[in-house]
Amino acid sequence: MLMGTAAVGGALARVTDPPASEGYAAVPGGKVYWRRFGSGGKTPLLMLHGGPGAAHNYLLSMKALADERPVVFYDQLGCGRSDAPTYESLYTIQRSIDEVDAVRQALGLSLARFVQGGVKPTSTNALLSELHRTWARPEAADLAQLYGLVAPNYAAVIESYVRAQQAVKIPV
């Protein structure tokens, strides 16, 4: 069994700490597994892993923020402990965005969230779509502060992707 601690923003979290609650949420195409840690008063944080194919485990160090806010992890459809549909028609950017909204609604979370996506075009397009809706919300300043703590270089990844898409004239 792998055990250890991880530091995020100066706080320590044990990767083996049990969640406060866990379960499954119905989403378009199946059910996804989620785990919630903490119950602090700040805006809840919904952690999205990269994909497709990854699971949420590599993000568990973010539990260090659970003293100040609920931190929720989930395995996207087809990943980890979630349902794994065999029909590829479910794997679209819009369905992925709808999945995030279904999880958020099922768990009663605010739209503000931290998004950890991969650098593959599908992940980044979904990320950019969600960020557009997220940054327009009043709690966007809180989200921006979280981004700075956990992914200070992620803006460079997005900017690089957009420049690459413009260079080959593919719509973003």
C-alpha atoms as a PDB file:
ATOM      1  CA  MET A   1       0.000   0.000   0.000  1.00  0.00           C
ATOM      2  CA  LEU A   2       1.335   3.411  -0.999  1.00  0.00           C
ATOM      3  CA  MET A   3       1.201   5.904   1.844  1.00  0.00           C
ATOM      4  CA  GLY A   4       2.472   9.430   2.186  1.00  0.00           C
ATOM      5  CA  THR A   5       1.703  13.086   2.496  1.00  0.00           C
ATOM      6  CA  ALA A   6       1.523  15.854  -0.048  1.00  0.00           C
ATOM      7  CA  ALA A   7       1.879  19.611   0.344  1.00  0.00           C
ATOM      8  CA  VAL A   8      -0.430  22.070  -1.395  1.00  0.00           C
ATOM      9  CA  GLY A   9      -0.218  25.757  -0.615  1.00  0.00           C
ATOM     10  CA  GLY A  10       1.713  25.000   2.579  1.00  0.00           C
ATOM     11  CA  ALA A  11      -0.820  22.478   3.948  1.00  0.00           C
ATOM     12  CA  LEU A  12      -0.261  18.748   4.341  1.00  0.00           C
ATOM     13  CA  ALA A  13      -2.717  16.025   3.425  1.00  0.00           C
ATOM     14  CA  ARG A  14      -2.411  12.289   3.956  1.00  0.00           C
ATOM     15  CA  VAL A  15      -3.319  10.482   0.778  1.00  0.00           C
ATOM     16  CA  THR A  16      -4.810   7.614   2.808  1.00  0.00           C
ATOM     17  CA  ASP A  17      -7.301   9.722   4.832  1.00  0.00           C
ATOM     18  CA  PRO A  18     -10.851   8.364   4.351  1.00  0.00           C
ATOM     19  CA  PRO A  19     -13.419  10.595   2.608  1.00  0.00           C
ATOM     20  CA  ALA A  20     -16.206  12.256   4.583  1.00  0.00           C
ATOM     21  CA  SER A  21     -18.634  10.758   2.062  1.00  0.00           C
ATOM     22  CA  GLU A  22     -18.582   8.905  -1.241  1.00  0.00           C
ATOM     23  CA  GLY A  23     -21.029   7.496  -3.739  1.00  0.00           C
ATOM     24  CA  TYR A  24     -22.211   7.501  -7.329  1.00  0.00           C
ATOM     25  CA  ALA A  25     -23.942  10.242  -9.312  1.00  0.00           C
ATOM     26  CA  ALA A  26     -26.112   9.683 -12.379  1.00  0.00           C
ATOM     27  CA  VAL A  27     -24.730  11.434 -15.457  1.00  0.00           C
ATOM     28  CA  PRO A  28     -25.557  11.225 -19.167  1.00  0.00           C
ATOM     29  CA  GLY A  29     -24.506   7.695 -20.162  1.00  0.00           C
ATOM     30  CA  GLY A  30     -24.108   6.063 -16.744  1.00  0.00           C
ATOM     31  CA  LYS A  31     -22.950   6.627 -13.163  1.00  0.00           C
ATOM     32  CA  VAL A  32     -19.723   8.201 -11.925  1.00  0.00           C
ATOM     33  CA  TYR A  33     -17.928   7.566  -8.634  1.00  0.00           C
ATOM     34  CA  TRP A  34     -17.218  10.558  -6.359  1.00  0.00           C
ATOM     35  CA  ARG A  35     -15.510  11.217  -2.998  1.00  0.00           C
ATOM     36  CA  ARG A  36     -15.962  14.312  -0.802  1.00  0.00           C
ATOM     37  CA  PHE A  37     -13.452  15.503   1.804  1.00  0.00           C
ATOM     38  CA  GLY A  38     -13.867  18.357   4.287  1.00  0.00           C
ATOM     39  CA  SER A  39     -16.709  20.704   5.078  1.00  0.00           C
ATOM     40  CA  GLY A  40     -15.131  24.154   5.410  1.00  0.00           C
ATOM     41  CA  GLY A  41     -17.111  27.287   4.625  1.00  0.00           C
ATOM     42  CA  LYS A  42     -15.443  28.340   1.374  1.00  0.00           C
ATOM     43  CA  THR A  43     -16.821  27.500  -2.067  1.00  0.00           C
ATOM     44  CA  PRO A  44     -16.618  23.747  -2.736  1.00  0.00           C
ATOM     45  CA  LEU A  45     -13.925  22.548  -5.092  1.00  0.00           C
ATOM     46  CA  LEU A  46     -14.688  19.975  -7.803  1.00  0.00           C
ATOM     47  CA  MET A  47     -11.536  18.247  -9.060  1.00  0.00           C
ATOM     48  CA  LEU A  48     -11.489  17.001 -12.655  1.00  0.00           C
ATOM     49  CA  HIS A  49      -8.775  14.606 -13.743  1.00  0.00           C
ATOM     50  CA  GLY A  50      -7.259  14.512 -17.216  1.00  0.00           C
ATOM     51  CA  GLY A  51      -8.477  12.004 -19.661  1.00  0.00           C
ATOM     52  CA  PRO A  52      -9.744  10.014 -21.157  1.00  0.00           C
ATOM     53  CA  GLY A  53      -8.546   6.987 -19.238  1.00  0.00           C
ATOM     54  CA  ALA A  54      -7.121   8.560 -16.082  1.00  0.00           C
ATOM     55  CA  ALA A  55      -8.702   8.433 -12.616  1.00  0.00           C
ATOM     56  CA  HIS A  56      -8.801  11.007  -9.809  1.00  0.00           C
ATOM     57  CA  ASN A  57      -6.153   9.393  -7.576  1.00  0.00           C
ATOM     58  CA  TYR A  58      -3.227  11.545  -8.741  1.00  0.00           C
ATOM     59  CA  LEU A  59      -5.097  14.645  -7.529  1.00  0.00           C
ATOM     60  CA  LEU A  60      -5.609  13.445  -3.940  1.00  0.00           C
ATOM     61  CA  SER A  61      -2.950  15.801  -2.579  1.00  0.00           C
ATOM     62  CA  MET A  62      -5.574  18.531  -3.070  1.00  0.00           C
ATOM     63  CA  LYS A  63      -7.293  17.145   0.051  1.00  0.00           C
ATOM     64  CA  ALA A  64      -4.976  19.567   1.855  1.00  0.00           C
ATOM     65  CA  LEU A  65      -7.549  22.260   1.045  1.00  0.00           C
ATOM     66  CA  ALA A  66     -10.382  20.358   2.782  1.00  0.00           C
ATOM     67  CA  ASP A  67      -9.881  22.282   6.034  1.00  0.00           C
ATOM     68  CA  GLU A  68     -11.196  25.419   4.357  1.00  0.00           C
ATOM     69  CA  ARG A  69     -13.660  24.016   1.812  1.00  0.00           C
ATOM     70  CA  PRO A  70     -15.261  20.753   0.667  1.00  0.00           C
ATOM     71  CA  VAL A  71     -13.046  19.082  -1.951  1.00  0.00           C
ATOM     72  CA  VAL A  72     -14.775  16.617  -4.286  1.00  0.00           C
ATOM     73  CA  PHE A  73     -13.004  14.189  -6.602  1.00  0.00           C
ATOM     74  CA  TYR A  74     -14.732  12.053  -9.187  1.00  0.00           C
ATOM     75  CA  ASP A  75     -13.816   9.549 -11.866  1.00  0.00           C
ATOM     76  CA  GLN A  76     -15.166  10.619 -15.236  1.00  0.00           C
ATOM     77  CA  LEU A  77     -17.337   8.196 -17.191  1.00  0.00           C
ATOM     78  CA  GLY A  78     -15.190   5.342 -18.492  1.00  0.00           C
ATOM     79  CA  CYS A  79     -12.475   5.940 -15.878  1.00  0.00           C
ATOM     80  CA  GLY A  80     -11.559   4.550 -12.451  1.00  0.00           C
ATOM     81  CA  ARG A  81     -14.558   3.271 -10.472  1.00  0.00           C
ATOM     82  CA  SER A  82     -17.161   4.846 -12.780  1.00  0.00           C
ATOM     83  CA  ASP A  83     -19.271   3.049 -15.373  1.00  0.00           C
ATOM     84  CA  ALA A  84     -17.430   2.202 -18.584  1.00  0.00           C
ATOM     85  CA  PRO A  85     -19.843   2.364 -21.522  1.00  0.00           C
ATOM     86  CA  THR A  86     -18.706   0.486 -24.604  1.00  0.00           C
ATOM     87  CA  TYR A  87     -20.277   2.798 -27.170  1.00  0.00           C
ATOM     88  CA  GLU A  88     -17.964   5.575 -28.313  1.00  0.00           C
ATOM     89  CA  SER A  89     -20.771   8.001 -29.175  1.00  0.00           C
ATOM     90  CA  LEU A  90     -20.849   9.021 -25.497  1.00  0.00           C
ATOM     91  CA  TYR A  91     -17.325  10.385 -25.579  1.00  0.00           C
ATOM     92  CA  THR A  92     -17.945  13.931 -26.786  1.00  0.00           C
ATOM     93  CA  ILE A  93     -16.937  17.294 -25.401  1.00  0.00           C
ATOM     94  CA  GLN A  94     -20.568  18.352 -24.883  1.00  0.00           C
ATOM     95  CA  ARG A  95     -21.397  15.144 -23.000  1.00  0.00           C
ATOM     96  CA  SER A  96     -18.299  15.706 -20.833  1.00  0.00           C
ATOM     97  CA  ILE A  97     -19.448  19.247 -20.037  1.00  0.00           C
ATOM     98  CA  ASP A  98     -22.958  17.938 -19.285  1.00  0.00           C
ATOM     99  CA  GLU A  99     -21.342  15.310 -17.031  1.00  0.00           C
ATOM    100  CA  VAL A 100     -19.571  18.002 -14.988  1.00  0.00           C
ATOM    101  CA  ASP A 101     -22.853  19.886 -14.593  1.00  0.00           C
ATOM    102  CA  ALA A 102     -24.710  16.684 -13.603  1.00  0.00           C
ATOM    103  CA  VAL A 103     -22.099  15.898 -10.927  1.00  0.00           C
ATOM    104  CA  ARG A 104     -22.190  19.485  -9.658  1.00  0.00           C
ATOM    105  CA  GLN A 105     -25.984  19.435  -9.419  1.00  0.00           C
ATOM    106  CA  ALA A 106     -26.132  15.959  -7.837  1.00  0.00           C
ATOM    107  CA  LEU A 107     -23.740  17.083  -5.097  1.00  0.00           C
ATOM    108  CA  GLY A 108     -25.192  20.582  -4.678  1.00  0.00           C
ATOM    109  CA  LEU A 109     -21.941  22.321  -5.684  1.00  0.00           C
ATOM    110  CA  SER A 110     -21.426  25.845  -6.962  1.00  0.00           C
ATOM    111  CA  LEU A 111     -20.310  26.231 -10.558  1.00  0.00           C
ATOM    112  CA  ALA A 112     -16.922  27.548  -9.362  1.00  0.00           C
ATOM    113  CA  ARG A 113     -14.410  24.737  -9.517  1.00  0.00           C
ATOM    114  CA  PHE A 114     -10.819  23.851 -10.186  1.00  0.00           C
ATOM    115  CA  VAL A 115     -10.457  22.054 -13.482  1.00  0.00           C
ATOM    116  CA  GLN A 116      -7.470  19.789 -14.040  1.00  0.00           C
ATOM    117  CA  GLY A 117      -7.507  18.743 -17.660  1.00  0.00           C
ATOM    118  CA  GLY A 118      -4.981  17.155 -19.933  1.00  0.00           C
ATOM    119  CA  VAL A 119      -3.217  18.902 -22.784  1.00  0.00           C
ATOM    120  CA  LYS A 120      -4.972  16.845 -25.453  1.00  0.00           C
ATOM    121  CA  PRO A 121      -7.279  18.945 -27.651  1.00  0.00           C
ATOM    122  CA  THR A 122     -10.512  17.343 -26.375  1.00  0.00           C
ATOM    123  CA  SER A 123      -9.636  17.969 -22.732  1.00  0.00           C
ATOM    124  CA  THR A 124      -8.504  21.514 -23.429  1.00  0.00           C
ATOM    125  CA  ASN A 125     -11.602  22.387 -25.471  1.00  0.00           C
ATOM    126  CA  ALA A 126     -13.814  21.155 -22.634  1.00  0.00           C
ATOM    127  CA  LEU A 127     -11.681  23.101 -20.171  1.00  0.00           C
ATOM    128  CA  LEU A 128     -11.962  26.325 -22.168  1.00  0.00           C
ATOM    129  CA  SER A 129     -15.735  25.907 -22.527  1.00  0.00           C
ATOM    130  CA  GLU A 130     -16.160  25.430 -18.797  1.00  0.00           C
ATOM    131  CA  LEU A 131     -13.803  28.257 -17.872  1.00  0.00           C
ATOM    132  CA  HIS A 132     -15.806  30.683 -19.990  1.00  0.00           C
ATOM    133  CA  ARG A 133     -18.892  29.967 -17.885  1.00  0.00           C
ATOM    134  CA  THR A 134     -16.908  29.788 -14.632  1.00  0.00           C
ATOM    135  CA  TRP A 135     -14.961  33.059 -14.940  1.00  0.00           C
ATOM    136  CA  ALA A 136     -18.191  35.009 -15.480  1.00  0.00           C
ATOM    137  CA  ARG A 137     -19.411  34.097 -11.981  1.00  0.00           C
ATOM    138  CA  PRO A 138     -19.028  36.260  -8.840  1.00  0.00           C
ATOM    139  CA  GLU A 139     -16.853  33.628  -7.129  1.00  0.00           C
ATOM    140  CA  ALA A 140     -14.312  33.672  -9.988  1.00  0.00           C
ATOM    141  CA  ALA A 141     -11.740  35.531  -7.848  1.00  0.00           C
ATOM    142  CA  ASP A 142     -11.760  32.648  -5.352  1.00  0.00           C
ATOM    143  CA  LEU A 143     -11.265  30.181  -8.205  1.00  0.00           C
ATOM    144  CA  ALA A 144      -8.388  32.240  -9.626  1.00  0.00           C
ATOM    145  CA  GLN A 145      -6.637  32.100  -6.245  1.00  0.00           C
ATOM    146  CA  LEU A 146      -7.005  28.297  -6.193  1.00  0.00           C
ATOM    147  CA  TYR A 147      -5.632  28.086  -9.726  1.00  0.00           C
ATOM    148  CA  GLY A 148      -2.549  29.960  -8.564  1.00  0.00           C
ATOM    149  CA  LEU A 149      -2.004  27.506  -5.710  1.00  0.00           C
ATOM    150  CA  VAL A 150      -2.306  24.267  -7.589  1.00  0.00           C
ATOM    151  CA  ALA A 151      -1.545  24.973 -11.234  1.00  0.00           C
ATOM    152  CA  PRO A 152       0.540  28.133 -11.644  1.00  0.00           C
ATOM    153  CA  ASN A 153       1.728  27.072 -15.113  1.00  0.00           C
ATOM    154  CA  TYR A 154      -1.605  25.848 -16.486  1.00  0.00           C
ATOM    155  CA  ALA A 155      -2.360  29.193 -18.150  1.00  0.00           C
ATOM    156  CA  ALA A 156       0.762  28.680 -20.263  1.00  0.00           C
ATOM    157  CA  VAL A 157      -0.556  25.276 -21.388  1.00  0.00           C
ATOM    158  CA  ILE A 158      -3.872  26.791 -22.484  1.00  0.00           C
ATOM    159  CA  GLU A 159      -2.148  29.706 -24.221  1.00  0.00           C
ATOM    160  CA  SER A 160       0.205  27.324 -26.032  1.00  0.00           C
ATOM    161  CA  TYR A 161      -2.724  25.197 -27.209  1.00  0.00           C
ATOM    162  CA  VAL A 162      -4.649  28.227 -28.503  1.00  0.00           C
ATOM    163  CA  ARG A 163      -1.573  29.484 -30.405  1.00  0.00           C
ATOM    164  CA  ALA A 164      -1.053  26.032 -31.925  1.00  0.00           C
ATOM    165  CA  GLN A 165      -4.700  25.848 -33.032  1.00  0.00           C
ATOM    166  CA  GLN A 166      -4.458  29.304 -34.599  1.00  0.00           C
ATOM    167  CA  ALA A 167      -1.251  28.340 -36.413  1.00  0.00           C
ATOM    168  CA  VAL A 168      -2.977  25.410 -38.126  1.00  0.00           C
ATOM    169  CA  LYS A 169      -6.270  27.320 -38.430  1.00  0.00           C
ATOM    170  CA  ILE A 170      -8.379  24.866 -36.417  1.00  0.00           C
ATOM    171  CA  PRO A 171     -11.266  26.583 -34.594  1.00  0.00           C
ATOM    172  CA  VAL A 172     -10.854  26.641 -30.830  1.00  0.00           C
END
